[in-house]
């Protein structure tokens, strides 16, 4: 992949890139409608593909928070058309890498030395490039290391990028600006944390220590070779999870890895109330010995205890059969509002009741088969149905607690990975933990 030799850093440069992207999208719409007049059978797929390519090209050059949001949206197949999710998935670990001179510049700024002066060897080309940083391989005293380097200017552009990206997001998701405002602060806070490599290093060391007893490998971290914009850790050999799945592993191995993932996430959520909130396949490795390894603790969500307690009350499959309790919880969790009309209350209670009934199924039995295609088809169908429903889309209020953004993302990501694995998982541990909460 072609290397990138510079990143737009100033607000003016980045704003110009966003404006240019919006203009390209406008041009694509004009072309689409012109074709539609000539040929009424023209479908929207060509428009989506053209816009997805233009948006991704711009975001990949900007890197940072805008590209990270695109990656987040690609994990949920109900948020964007398929053309966008297919393109944005590249942001997980296949973005255009930064050129080596810019990498050297970062090292000289934070260590006063080039990477060749710090390590015995250092790859000039990135082996992995994502939205906020890229990874190089180094060696030191016979040990292989992974060195993650943050792109220049990313940390200082988070807030302004989110403001600039908002009109594009409104167009892509077909929502009003005020419906996004409720969550912008939460997303901004998490993205700022992801650019704070000092915080990430601290969390990585703590979370791997807390989860050390699990049958999972974690890299060791090296504070002496880390800084505000660089993190050095052990290099773990193996295959990314999606690559490993393509080798057609046995069902027993799929179930074992799936169980390890389930236990890892539910231990964090129910015991630590702090969770690795970035569950995409690029953050998981299957080692040469067949063990699951977890990488990248940049995105971590700490749950307030009151939110945690209320959120997991939804996992009681009998709750929807208790309308008074269910409605009270919907109000408390901001899915319903006192200002709702009777018709709105009835409609949204039904929508969220259907959603809760579907999503809590894995928690309602001792073992759940994530290879169940009908189950996932039902989730996607409900998402499509709600997205197309005019009554849902005309609501002026963004519904749901802001704390749910990253917890929902975590579970949707986990469910999708377990579906890719076609794994059967014992969910007894999670149910027992909730009972004790």
Protein backbone atom coordinates (compact mmCIF):
# COMPACT_ATOMS: atom_id res chain seq x y z
CA UNK A 1 0.00 0.00 0.00
CA UNK A 2 1.24 3.48 -0.90
CA UNK A 3 2.79 5.34 2.02
CA UNK A 4 1.54 8.73 3.12
CA UNK A 5 4.24 11.42 3.38
CA UNK A 6 2.22 14.10 5.16
CA UNK A 7 -0.99 14.46 7.16
CA UNK A 8 -3.12 17.64 7.11
CA UNK A 9 -2.61 18.99 10.63
CA UNK A 10 -3.98 22.53 10.75
CA UNK A 11 -7.71 23.17 11.18
CA UNK A 12 -7.79 24.96 7.82
CA UNK A 13 -6.18 22.03 5.98
CA UNK A 14 -8.43 19.47 7.62
CA UNK A 15 -11.56 21.59 7.13
CA UNK A 16 -10.71 21.92 3.43
CA UNK A 17 -10.49 18.14 3.18
CA UNK A 18 -13.91 17.69 4.78
CA UNK A 19 -15.45 20.37 2.55
CA UNK A 20 -13.90 18.72 -0.50
CA UNK A 21 -15.34 15.38 0.53
CA UNK A 22 -18.79 16.90 0.94
CA UNK A 23 -18.49 18.45 -2.53
CA UNK A 24 -17.54 15.07 -4.02
CA UNK A 25 -20.55 13.47 -2.36
CA UNK A 26 -22.75 16.22 -3.79
CA UNK A 27 -21.33 15.55 -7.25
CA UNK A 28 -21.99 11.84 -6.85
CA UNK A 29 -25.62 12.58 -5.96
CA UNK A 30 -26.01 14.74 -9.08
CA UNK A 31 -24.56 11.96 -11.27
CA UNK A 32 -26.87 9.43 -9.64
CA UNK A 33 -30.03 11.49 -10.19
CA UNK A 34 -28.99 12.25 -13.78
CA UNK A 35 -28.64 8.51 -14.44
CA UNK A 36 -31.94 7.90 -12.68
CA UNK A 37 -33.73 10.23 -15.10
CA UNK A 38 -32.28 8.42 -18.11
CA UNK A 39 -32.63 4.94 -16.63
CA UNK A 40 -35.27 4.67 -13.84
CA UNK A 41 -33.99 1.17 -12.97
CA UNK A 42 -30.67 2.60 -11.71
CA UNK A 43 -30.30 1.49 -8.09
CA UNK A 44 -28.66 3.33 -5.21
CA UNK A 45 -25.78 0.86 -4.91
CA UNK A 46 -23.60 2.75 -7.43
CA UNK A 47 -24.12 5.99 -5.47
CA UNK A 48 -23.20 4.31 -2.19
CA UNK A 49 -20.07 2.77 -3.69
CA UNK A 50 -18.90 6.09 -5.17
CA UNK A 51 -19.55 7.98 -1.93
CA UNK A 52 -17.95 5.26 0.21
CA UNK A 53 -14.77 5.33 -1.89
CA UNK A 54 -14.52 9.15 -1.74
CA UNK A 55 -15.24 9.35 2.00
CA UNK A 56 -12.79 6.59 2.87
CA UNK A 57 -10.04 8.11 0.71
CA UNK A 58 -10.40 11.44 2.49
CA UNK A 59 -10.67 9.98 5.98
CA UNK A 60 -7.69 7.68 5.46
CA UNK A 61 -5.57 10.71 4.54
CA UNK A 62 -6.81 12.68 7.55
CA UNK A 63 -6.50 9.67 9.88
CA UNK A 64 -7.41 10.22 13.53
CA UNK A 65 -10.87 10.52 15.02
CA UNK A 66 -12.80 10.77 11.75
CA UNK A 67 -11.30 7.50 10.48
CA UNK A 68 -11.85 5.92 13.91
CA UNK A 69 -15.56 6.79 13.82
CA UNK A 70 -15.77 5.22 10.35
CA UNK A 71 -14.18 2.06 11.76
CA UNK A 72 -16.69 2.04 14.64
CA UNK A 73 -19.64 2.38 12.26
CA UNK A 74 -18.33 -0.44 10.06
CA UNK A 75 -18.81 -2.87 12.96
CA UNK A 76 -22.57 -2.45 12.93
CA UNK A 77 -24.15 -3.65 9.71
CA UNK A 78 -27.35 -1.74 10.47
CA UNK A 79 -25.86 1.76 10.67
CA UNK A 80 -24.61 2.23 7.11
CA UNK A 81 -25.22 0.71 3.67
CA UNK A 82 -23.02 -2.30 2.86
CA UNK A 83 -20.76 -0.30 0.51
CA UNK A 84 -19.69 1.88 3.45
CA UNK A 85 -19.18 -0.94 5.95
CA UNK A 86 -17.10 -2.89 3.42
CA UNK A 87 -14.88 0.12 2.75
CA UNK A 88 -14.65 1.39 6.32
CA UNK A 89 -13.59 -2.03 7.65
CA UNK A 90 -10.22 -1.31 6.03
CA UNK A 91 -9.65 1.24 8.80
CA UNK A 92 -9.29 -1.60 11.32
CA UNK A 93 -5.75 -2.50 10.26
CA UNK A 94 -5.27 -1.66 6.58
CA UNK A 95 -5.14 2.15 6.35
CA UNK A 96 -2.40 3.87 4.29
CA UNK A 97 0.76 3.88 6.47
CA UNK A 98 2.84 6.88 7.41
CA UNK A 99 6.22 7.27 5.70
CA UNK A 100 9.38 6.43 7.67
CA UNK A 101 10.78 10.01 7.87
CA UNK A 102 7.67 11.05 9.83
CA UNK A 103 8.15 8.07 12.15
CA UNK A 104 11.75 9.11 12.80
CA UNK A 105 10.59 12.67 13.49
CA UNK A 106 8.20 11.39 16.17
CA UNK A 107 10.97 9.37 17.85
CA UNK A 108 13.37 12.28 17.86
CA UNK A 109 10.71 14.50 19.44
CA UNK A 110 9.90 12.12 22.32
CA UNK A 111 13.14 10.19 22.84
CA UNK A 112 15.78 12.47 21.35
CA UNK A 113 16.90 9.49 19.24
CA UNK A 114 15.91 7.73 16.05
CA UNK A 115 14.33 4.25 16.34
CA UNK A 116 17.57 2.65 15.06
CA UNK A 117 19.40 4.20 18.02
CA UNK A 118 16.93 2.73 20.53
CA UNK A 119 16.51 -0.76 19.08
CA UNK A 120 18.78 -3.36 17.51
CA UNK A 121 16.54 -3.36 14.44
CA UNK A 122 13.41 -1.50 13.35
CA UNK A 123 11.30 -2.04 10.23
CA UNK A 124 11.13 1.05 8.05
CA UNK A 125 7.67 0.07 6.79
CA UNK A 126 4.65 -0.33 9.06
CA UNK A 127 3.34 -3.87 9.37
CA UNK A 128 -0.07 -2.64 10.48
CA UNK A 129 -1.71 0.75 9.98
CA UNK A 130 -5.07 1.73 11.51
CA UNK A 131 -6.96 4.92 12.31
CA UNK A 132 -4.90 6.49 15.11
CA UNK A 133 -1.51 4.83 14.79
CA UNK A 134 0.60 2.25 13.03
CA UNK A 135 2.77 -0.64 14.21
CA UNK A 136 6.39 -1.40 13.36
CA UNK A 137 8.40 -4.44 14.41
CA UNK A 138 11.64 -3.99 16.35
CA UNK A 139 14.14 -6.23 18.06
CA UNK A 140 16.10 -5.62 21.24
CA UNK A 141 18.38 -8.09 23.00
CA UNK A 142 16.96 -10.95 20.96
CA UNK A 143 13.32 -10.10 21.74
CA UNK A 144 10.78 -9.14 19.06
CA UNK A 145 8.79 -6.03 19.90
CA UNK A 146 5.73 -4.25 18.49
CA UNK A 147 6.12 -0.46 18.47
CA UNK A 148 2.90 1.53 18.01
CA UNK A 149 3.37 5.10 16.81
CA UNK A 150 0.59 7.69 16.81
CA UNK A 151 0.04 9.79 13.71
CA UNK A 152 1.13 13.45 14.07
CA UNK A 153 -1.61 15.93 14.93
CA UNK A 154 -4.23 13.29 15.76
CA UNK A 155 -4.55 14.18 19.45
CA UNK A 156 -5.01 17.90 18.78
CA UNK A 157 -7.61 17.46 16.04
CA UNK A 158 -10.18 15.23 17.78
CA UNK A 159 -12.66 17.93 18.80
CA UNK A 160 -12.47 19.96 15.59
CA UNK A 161 -12.64 16.80 13.45
CA UNK A 162 -15.84 15.66 15.13
CA UNK A 163 -17.44 19.02 14.41
CA UNK A 164 -16.30 18.86 10.80
CA UNK A 165 -17.39 15.24 10.37
CA UNK A 166 -20.84 15.86 11.82
CA UNK A 167 -22.51 17.07 8.57
CA UNK A 168 -21.14 14.04 6.70
CA UNK A 169 -22.34 11.71 9.45
CA UNK A 170 -25.77 13.35 9.37
CA UNK A 171 -26.00 12.75 5.62
CA UNK A 172 -24.73 9.14 5.83
CA UNK A 173 -26.99 8.19 8.75
CA UNK A 174 -29.91 10.43 7.72
CA UNK A 175 -30.34 11.92 11.20
CA UNK A 176 -30.75 15.45 12.53
CA UNK A 177 -27.82 17.23 14.11
CA UNK A 178 -29.38 17.49 17.55
CA UNK A 179 -29.89 13.70 17.56
CA UNK A 180 -26.10 13.31 17.36
CA UNK A 181 -25.23 16.03 19.90
CA UNK A 182 -26.24 13.90 22.86
CA UNK A 183 -23.47 11.40 22.13
CA UNK A 184 -20.74 13.62 20.69
CA UNK A 185 -19.32 14.33 24.15
CA UNK A 186 -19.04 10.64 25.01
CA UNK A 187 -17.36 9.80 21.69
CA UNK A 188 -15.03 12.80 22.00
CA UNK A 189 -13.99 11.78 25.51
CA UNK A 190 -13.17 8.23 24.41
CA UNK A 191 -11.27 9.37 21.32
CA UNK A 192 -9.19 11.79 23.40
CA UNK A 193 -8.37 8.90 25.74
CA UNK A 194 -7.31 6.78 22.76
CA UNK A 195 -4.77 9.42 21.76
CA UNK A 196 -3.32 9.50 25.29
CA UNK A 197 -0.75 6.71 25.05
CA UNK A 198 0.39 7.33 28.63
CA UNK A 199 -3.13 6.47 29.79
CA UNK A 200 -3.32 3.51 27.40
CA UNK A 201 -0.04 2.13 28.74
CA UNK A 202 -1.29 2.39 32.33
CA UNK A 203 -4.61 0.71 31.48
CA UNK A 204 -2.93 -1.99 29.40
CA UNK A 205 -0.64 -2.99 32.25
CA UNK A 206 -3.50 -2.94 34.79
CA UNK A 207 -6.06 -4.85 32.68
CA UNK A 208 -3.60 -7.52 31.59
CA UNK A 209 -2.60 -7.96 35.23
CA UNK A 210 -6.25 -8.28 36.29
CA UNK A 211 -6.93 -10.86 33.56
CA UNK A 212 -3.65 -12.76 33.94
CA UNK A 213 -5.33 -15.90 35.30
CA UNK A 214 -7.37 -16.37 32.11
CA UNK A 215 -6.33 -18.75 29.31
CA UNK A 216 -5.33 -15.79 27.13
CA UNK A 217 -1.98 -14.31 26.08
CA UNK A 218 -1.25 -10.62 26.51
CA UNK A 219 1.85 -8.70 25.46
CA UNK A 220 4.25 -7.35 28.05
CA UNK A 221 4.57 -3.56 27.93
CA UNK A 222 7.77 -1.53 28.20
CA UNK A 223 7.32 1.94 29.79
CA UNK A 224 10.98 2.81 29.21
CA UNK A 225 10.43 2.62 25.44
CA UNK A 226 7.02 4.30 25.50
CA UNK A 227 5.87 7.92 25.59
CA UNK A 228 2.86 10.16 24.96
CA UNK A 229 2.80 9.04 21.30
CA UNK A 230 4.68 5.70 21.30
CA UNK A 231 3.91 2.38 23.00
CA UNK A 232 6.30 -0.57 22.95
CA UNK A 233 5.17 -4.09 23.79
CA UNK A 234 6.02 -7.71 23.00
CA UNK A 235 5.43 -8.84 19.45
CA UNK A 236 3.03 -11.80 19.39
CA UNK A 237 3.38 -14.11 16.41
CA UNK A 238 0.24 -15.61 14.98
CA UNK A 239 -2.74 -14.89 12.72
CA UNK A 240 -5.41 -12.25 13.06
CA UNK A 241 -8.66 -13.87 14.11
CA UNK A 242 -10.29 -13.47 10.68
CA UNK A 243 -7.26 -15.07 9.02
CA UNK A 244 -7.35 -17.98 11.45
CA UNK A 245 -11.04 -18.58 10.73
CA UNK A 246 -10.19 -18.89 7.03
CA UNK A 247 -7.94 -21.90 7.85
CA UNK A 248 -11.13 -23.82 8.74
CA UNK A 249 -10.28 -24.72 12.35
CA UNK A 250 -12.13 -27.53 14.10
CA UNK A 251 -15.42 -26.85 15.89
CA UNK A 252 -13.73 -27.67 19.19
CA UNK A 253 -11.12 -24.95 18.59
CA UNK A 254 -13.79 -22.47 17.49
CA UNK A 255 -15.76 -23.15 20.66
CA UNK A 256 -12.63 -22.86 22.83
CA UNK A 257 -11.63 -19.49 21.38
CA UNK A 258 -15.25 -18.29 21.52
CA UNK A 259 -15.51 -19.29 25.18
CA UNK A 260 -12.26 -17.49 25.97
CA UNK A 261 -13.61 -14.32 24.34
CA UNK A 262 -16.94 -14.56 26.15
CA UNK A 263 -15.30 -15.13 29.52
CA UNK A 264 -12.76 -12.35 28.92
CA UNK A 265 -15.42 -9.75 28.18
CA UNK A 266 -17.86 -10.77 30.84
CA UNK A 267 -15.14 -10.91 33.52
CA UNK A 268 -14.19 -7.32 32.70
CA UNK A 269 -17.79 -6.12 32.61
CA UNK A 270 -19.14 -7.91 35.68
CA UNK A 271 -16.05 -7.99 37.88
CA UNK A 272 -14.00 -4.95 36.85
CA UNK A 273 -16.76 -2.71 35.44
CA UNK A 274 -14.09 -1.67 32.96
CA UNK A 275 -13.95 -3.19 29.50
CA UNK A 276 -11.85 -3.38 26.34
CA UNK A 277 -14.45 -1.66 24.14
CA UNK A 278 -12.92 -2.25 20.71
CA UNK A 279 -13.83 -5.84 19.78
CA UNK A 280 -12.95 -6.10 16.11
CA UNK A 281 -10.99 -9.04 14.61
CA UNK A 282 -7.85 -6.95 14.12
CA UNK A 283 -7.38 -6.74 17.90
CA UNK A 284 -7.19 -10.51 18.37
CA UNK A 285 -4.43 -12.92 17.44
CA UNK A 286 -4.39 -16.71 17.48
CA UNK A 287 -0.85 -17.60 18.48
CA UNK A 288 1.27 -20.35 16.97
CA UNK A 289 0.37 -22.54 19.96
CA UNK A 290 -3.36 -21.96 19.32
CA UNK A 291 -4.06 -19.54 22.17
CA UNK A 292 -6.12 -16.36 21.98
CA UNK A 293 -4.08 -13.17 22.38
CA UNK A 294 -5.63 -9.73 23.00
CA UNK A 295 -4.05 -6.54 21.69
CA UNK A 296 -4.66 -2.82 21.96
CA UNK A 297 -6.31 -1.46 25.10
CA UNK A 298 -6.65 2.03 23.65
CA UNK A 299 -10.44 2.11 23.85
CA UNK A 300 -11.59 1.26 27.37
CA UNK A 301 -14.99 2.05 28.87
CA UNK A 302 -15.39 2.47 32.61
CA UNK A 303 -19.02 1.91 33.61
CA UNK A 304 -20.72 3.91 36.36
CA UNK A 305 -22.19 1.41 38.83
CA UNK A 306 -25.75 2.76 38.56
CA UNK A 307 -25.64 2.41 34.77
CA UNK A 308 -24.20 -1.10 35.06
CA UNK A 309 -26.94 -2.20 37.45
CA UNK A 310 -29.76 -0.84 35.29
CA UNK A 311 -28.28 -1.97 31.96
CA UNK A 312 -28.12 -5.62 32.96
CA UNK A 313 -31.67 -5.64 34.26
CA UNK A 314 -32.58 -5.66 30.55
CA UNK A 315 -30.93 -9.09 30.24
CA UNK A 316 -33.79 -10.66 32.22
CA UNK A 317 -35.84 -12.19 29.40
CA UNK A 318 -38.97 -12.03 31.59
CA UNK A 319 -38.74 -8.26 32.07
CA UNK A 320 -40.68 -7.39 28.91
CA UNK A 321 -43.61 -9.37 30.34
CA UNK A 322 -43.75 -6.93 33.28
CA UNK A 323 -44.92 -3.70 31.61
CA UNK A 324 -44.77 -1.44 34.68
CA UNK A 325 -41.19 -2.44 35.57
CA UNK A 326 -40.09 -2.44 31.93
CA UNK A 327 -41.49 1.04 31.25
CA UNK A 328 -39.91 2.40 34.43
CA UNK A 329 -36.53 1.07 33.33
CA UNK A 330 -36.95 2.47 29.81
CA UNK A 331 -37.62 5.89 31.36
CA UNK A 332 -34.64 5.64 33.68
CA UNK A 333 -32.32 4.62 30.83
CA UNK A 334 -33.62 7.44 28.59
CA UNK A 335 -35.26 5.24 25.97
CA UNK A 336 -38.57 6.86 26.90
CA UNK A 337 -39.18 10.43 28.04
CA UNK A 338 -41.91 11.95 30.23
CA UNK A 339 -42.74 14.26 27.31
CA UNK A 340 -43.57 11.35 24.98
CA UNK A 341 -47.14 11.15 23.75
CA UNK A 342 -49.16 8.01 24.46
CA UNK A 343 -48.61 6.92 20.86
CA UNK A 344 -44.84 7.48 21.11
CA UNK A 345 -44.65 5.65 24.42
CA UNK A 346 -46.55 2.68 23.00
CA UNK A 347 -44.47 2.62 19.81
CA UNK A 348 -41.02 2.88 21.44
CA UNK A 349 -41.91 0.41 24.19
CA UNK A 350 -42.72 -2.11 21.46
CA UNK A 351 -39.53 -1.33 19.48
CA UNK A 352 -37.20 -1.60 22.47
CA UNK A 353 -39.10 -4.60 23.81
CA UNK A 354 -38.47 -6.46 20.55
CA UNK A 355 -34.82 -5.42 20.59
CA UNK A 356 -34.26 -6.45 24.21
CA UNK A 357 -35.98 -9.80 23.65
CA UNK A 358 -33.56 -10.55 20.81
CA UNK A 359 -30.32 -9.31 22.35
CA UNK A 360 -30.80 -10.94 25.74
CA UNK A 361 -31.29 -14.45 24.31
CA UNK A 362 -27.65 -15.52 24.87
CA UNK A 363 -28.03 -14.60 28.54
CA UNK A 364 -31.25 -16.57 28.97
CA UNK A 365 -29.79 -20.06 28.51
CA UNK A 366 -26.80 -22.01 29.73
CA UNK A 367 -25.36 -22.46 26.22
CA UNK A 368 -25.84 -20.35 23.11
CA UNK A 369 -25.00 -21.28 19.53
CA UNK A 370 -23.67 -18.16 17.79
CA UNK A 371 -23.68 -19.98 14.45
CA UNK A 372 -27.48 -19.62 14.42
CA UNK A 373 -28.07 -17.74 11.14
CA UNK A 374 -31.75 -17.21 11.89
CA UNK A 375 -30.88 -15.40 15.13
CA UNK A 376 -28.56 -12.93 13.39
CA UNK A 377 -30.93 -12.55 10.45
CA UNK A 378 -33.62 -11.54 12.96
CA UNK A 379 -31.28 -8.93 14.52
CA UNK A 380 -30.39 -7.43 11.14
CA UNK A 381 -34.01 -7.54 9.96
CA UNK A 382 -35.18 -5.69 13.07
CA UNK A 383 -32.43 -3.12 12.57
CA UNK A 384 -33.42 -2.60 8.93
CA UNK A 385 -37.08 -2.39 9.89
CA UNK A 386 -36.47 0.26 12.54
CA UNK A 387 -34.08 2.21 10.31
CA UNK A 388 -36.72 2.39 7.57
CA UNK A 389 -39.59 3.24 9.91
CA UNK A 390 -40.65 6.86 9.48
CA UNK A 391 -42.05 7.03 13.01
CA UNK A 392 -38.68 6.08 14.47
CA UNK A 393 -36.72 8.44 12.25
CA UNK A 394 -38.90 11.48 12.87
CA UNK A 395 -38.37 11.31 16.63
CA UNK A 396 -36.70 14.51 17.77
CA UNK A 397 -35.02 12.90 20.77
CA UNK A 398 -31.90 10.74 20.78
CA UNK A 399 -32.82 7.75 22.89
CA UNK A 400 -30.66 5.79 25.30
CA UNK A 401 -27.99 6.62 27.87
CA UNK A 402 -24.72 7.93 26.49
CA UNK A 403 -22.94 5.21 28.49
CA UNK A 404 -24.63 2.62 26.31
CA UNK A 405 -22.72 3.67 23.18
CA UNK A 406 -19.55 1.75 23.97
CA UNK A 407 -21.18 -1.08 25.92
CA UNK A 408 -23.60 -1.74 23.05
CA UNK A 409 -20.67 -1.52 20.67
CA UNK A 410 -18.77 -4.05 22.78
CA UNK A 411 -21.59 -6.59 22.79
CA UNK A 412 -22.46 -6.12 19.11
CA UNK A 413 -18.79 -6.56 18.25
CA UNK A 414 -18.51 -9.62 20.48
CA UNK A 415 -21.67 -11.19 19.05
CA UNK A 416 -20.43 -10.62 15.50
CA UNK A 417 -17.02 -12.16 16.24
CA UNK A 418 -18.64 -15.19 17.88
CA UNK A 419 -20.87 -15.50 14.82
CA UNK A 420 -17.80 -15.41 12.56
CA UNK A 421 -16.32 -18.15 14.74
CA UNK A 422 -19.58 -20.14 14.56
CA UNK A 423 -18.94 -20.87 18.23
CA UNK A 424 -21.08 -22.45 20.92
CA UNK A 425 -20.58 -20.66 24.22
CA UNK A 426 -21.44 -21.52 27.81
CA UNK A 427 -23.05 -18.36 29.22
CA UNK A 428 -23.60 -19.61 32.79
CA UNK A 429 -20.74 -17.52 34.16
CA UNK A 430 -22.23 -14.25 32.94
CA UNK A 431 -25.71 -15.11 34.24
CA UNK A 432 -24.33 -16.00 37.69
CA UNK A 433 -22.38 -12.74 37.81
CA UNK A 434 -25.47 -10.71 37.02
CA UNK A 435 -27.45 -12.51 39.70
CA UNK A 436 -24.87 -11.46 42.28
CA UNK A 437 -24.67 -7.86 41.07
